[in-house]
Amino acid sequence: MIEGVVARPDLWASYIWPAYILTIGGMIALLAWSWTAMRAAEKRAEELKRK
């Protein structure tokens, strides 16, 4: 079974590209989530300073 996979590199390529896309998409989603959480925390901190 492994011999057939190694002999056909197109099977590896069809696995690797979606993995890269999922990884990059997940990283962008985490960056957006953390950025919005940071902005919300900064807003709450500013509101506490004003009181």
N, C-alpha and C. Protein backbone atom coordinates (compact mmCIF):
# COMPACT_ATOMS: atom_id res chain seq x y z
N MET A 1 0.82 -1.20 0.00
CA MET A 1 0.00 0.00 0.00
C MET A 1 0.86 1.26 0.00
N ILE A 2 1.86 1.30 0.84
CA ILE A 2 2.74 2.47 0.88
C ILE A 2 3.48 2.63 -0.45
N GLU A 3 3.83 1.53 -1.08
CA GLU A 3 4.55 1.60 -2.35
C GLU A 3 3.75 2.36 -3.40
N GLY A 4 2.45 2.16 -3.43
CA GLY A 4 1.62 2.88 -4.39
C GLY A 4 1.53 4.36 -4.10
N VAL A 5 1.56 4.72 -2.82
CA VAL A 5 1.47 6.13 -2.45
C VAL A 5 2.77 6.84 -2.78
N VAL A 6 3.90 6.20 -2.48
CA VAL A 6 5.19 6.81 -2.76
C VAL A 6 5.42 6.92 -4.26
N ALA A 7 4.93 5.97 -5.01
CA ALA A 7 5.11 5.99 -6.46
C ALA A 7 4.26 7.07 -7.12
N ARG A 8 3.24 7.54 -6.43
CA ARG A 8 2.37 8.58 -7.01
C ARG A 8 2.43 9.84 -6.16
N PRO A 9 3.35 10.75 -6.47
CA PRO A 9 3.48 11.96 -5.65
C PRO A 9 2.28 12.88 -5.73
N ASP A 10 1.42 12.71 -6.75
CA ASP A 10 0.24 13.56 -6.82
C ASP A 10 -0.70 13.31 -5.65
N LEU A 11 -0.66 12.11 -5.07
CA LEU A 11 -1.48 11.85 -3.88
C LEU A 11 -0.97 12.67 -2.69
N TRP A 12 0.34 12.81 -2.57
CA TRP A 12 0.90 13.62 -1.50
C TRP A 12 0.55 15.09 -1.71
N ALA A 13 0.64 15.55 -2.95
CA ALA A 13 0.34 16.95 -3.24
C ALA A 13 -1.13 17.26 -2.95
N SER A 14 -2.00 16.32 -3.24
CA SER A 14 -3.42 16.58 -2.98
C SER A 14 -3.73 16.59 -1.49
N TYR A 15 -2.83 16.07 -0.68
CA TYR A 15 -3.01 16.12 0.78
C TYR A 15 -2.34 17.36 1.37
N ILE A 16 -1.20 17.74 0.85
CA ILE A 16 -0.41 18.81 1.46
C ILE A 16 -1.06 20.18 1.25
N TRP A 17 -1.54 20.47 0.04
CA TRP A 17 -2.12 21.80 -0.19
C TRP A 17 -3.32 22.09 0.70
N PRO A 18 -4.28 21.19 0.86
CA PRO A 18 -5.38 21.48 1.80
C PRO A 18 -4.89 21.65 3.23
N ALA A 19 -3.85 20.93 3.61
CA ALA A 19 -3.31 21.09 4.97
C ALA A 19 -2.74 22.49 5.15
N TYR A 20 -2.00 22.98 4.16
CA TYR A 20 -1.48 24.34 4.23
C TYR A 20 -2.62 25.36 4.28
N ILE A 21 -3.63 25.16 3.47
CA ILE A 21 -4.76 26.10 3.43
C ILE A 21 -5.49 26.12 4.77
N LEU A 22 -5.72 24.95 5.36
CA LEU A 22 -6.38 24.90 6.67
C LEU A 22 -5.52 25.55 7.75
N THR A 23 -4.23 25.32 7.70
CA THR A 23 -3.33 25.89 8.70
C THR A 23 -3.30 27.41 8.60
N ILE A 24 -3.14 27.92 7.40
CA ILE A 24 -3.09 29.38 7.21
C ILE A 24 -4.43 30.00 7.55
N GLY A 25 -5.53 29.37 7.14
CA GLY A 25 -6.86 29.88 7.48
C GLY A 25 -7.10 29.89 8.98
N GLY A 26 -6.68 28.83 9.66
CA GLY A 26 -6.82 28.79 11.11
C GLY A 26 -5.99 29.85 11.80
N MET A 27 -4.78 30.09 11.28
CA MET A 27 -3.93 31.11 11.88
C MET A 27 -4.53 32.50 11.69
N ILE A 28 -5.09 32.76 10.53
CA ILE A 28 -5.74 34.05 10.30
C ILE A 28 -6.95 34.21 11.20
N ALA A 29 -7.72 33.14 11.38
CA ALA A 29 -8.89 33.20 12.27
C ALA A 29 -8.47 33.46 13.71
N LEU A 30 -7.40 32.81 14.17
CA LEU A 30 -6.92 33.05 15.54
C LEU A 30 -6.41 34.47 15.70
N LEU A 31 -5.71 34.99 14.70
CA LEU A 31 -5.23 36.37 14.77
C LEU A 31 -6.39 37.36 14.85
N ALA A 32 -7.42 37.14 14.04
CA ALA A 32 -8.59 38.03 14.06
C ALA A 32 -9.30 37.94 15.40
N TRP A 33 -9.45 36.74 15.93
CA TRP A 33 -10.13 36.55 17.22
C TRP A 33 -9.35 37.22 18.34
N SER A 34 -8.04 37.02 18.37
CA SER A 34 -7.24 37.63 19.44
C SER A 34 -7.21 39.15 19.30
N TRP A 35 -7.19 39.65 18.07
CA TRP A 35 -7.16 41.10 17.87
C TRP A 35 -8.46 41.73 18.37
N THR A 36 -9.61 41.11 18.05
CA THR A 36 -10.88 41.67 18.53
C THR A 36 -10.99 41.56 20.05
N ALA A 37 -10.47 40.48 20.63
CA ALA A 37 -10.50 40.35 22.09
C ALA A 37 -9.60 41.41 22.73
N MET A 38 -8.45 41.69 22.13
CA MET A 38 -7.55 42.71 22.65
C MET A 38 -8.21 44.09 22.58
N ARG A 39 -8.86 44.39 21.46
CA ARG A 39 -9.52 45.69 21.32
C ARG A 39 -10.64 45.84 22.36
N ALA A 40 -11.39 44.77 22.60
CA ALA A 40 -12.47 44.83 23.59
C ALA A 40 -11.89 45.03 24.99
N ALA A 41 -10.79 44.38 25.29
CA ALA A 41 -10.16 44.54 26.61
C ALA A 41 -9.61 45.95 26.77
N GLU A 42 -9.02 46.50 25.72
CA GLU A 42 -8.53 47.88 25.79
C GLU A 42 -9.67 48.86 26.00
N LYS A 43 -10.80 48.61 25.35
CA LYS A 43 -11.96 49.49 25.50
C LYS A 43 -12.48 49.44 26.94
N ARG A 44 -12.55 48.23 27.51
CA ARG A 44 -13.00 48.12 28.90
C ARG A 44 -12.02 48.80 29.85
N ALA A 45 -10.73 48.69 29.59
CA ALA A 45 -9.73 49.33 30.44
C ALA A 45 -9.85 50.85 30.37
N GLU A 46 -10.09 51.38 29.18
CA GLU A 46 -10.27 52.83 29.04
C GLU A 46 -11.52 53.30 29.77
N GLU A 47 -12.59 52.51 29.71
CA GLU A 47 -13.82 52.89 30.40
C GLU A 47 -13.62 52.89 31.91
N LEU A 48 -12.82 51.95 32.42
CA LEU A 48 -12.53 51.93 33.86
C LEU A 48 -11.68 53.11 34.28
N LYS A 49 -10.77 53.55 33.41
CA LYS A 49 -9.92 54.70 33.74
C LYS A 49 -10.74 55.98 33.82
N ARG A 50 -11.77 56.09 33.00
CA ARG A 50 -12.57 57.31 32.96
C ARG A 50 -13.46 57.46 34.19
N LYS A 51 -13.75 56.36 34.87
CA LYS A 51 -14.66 56.43 36.03
C LYS A 51 -13.96 56.95 37.25
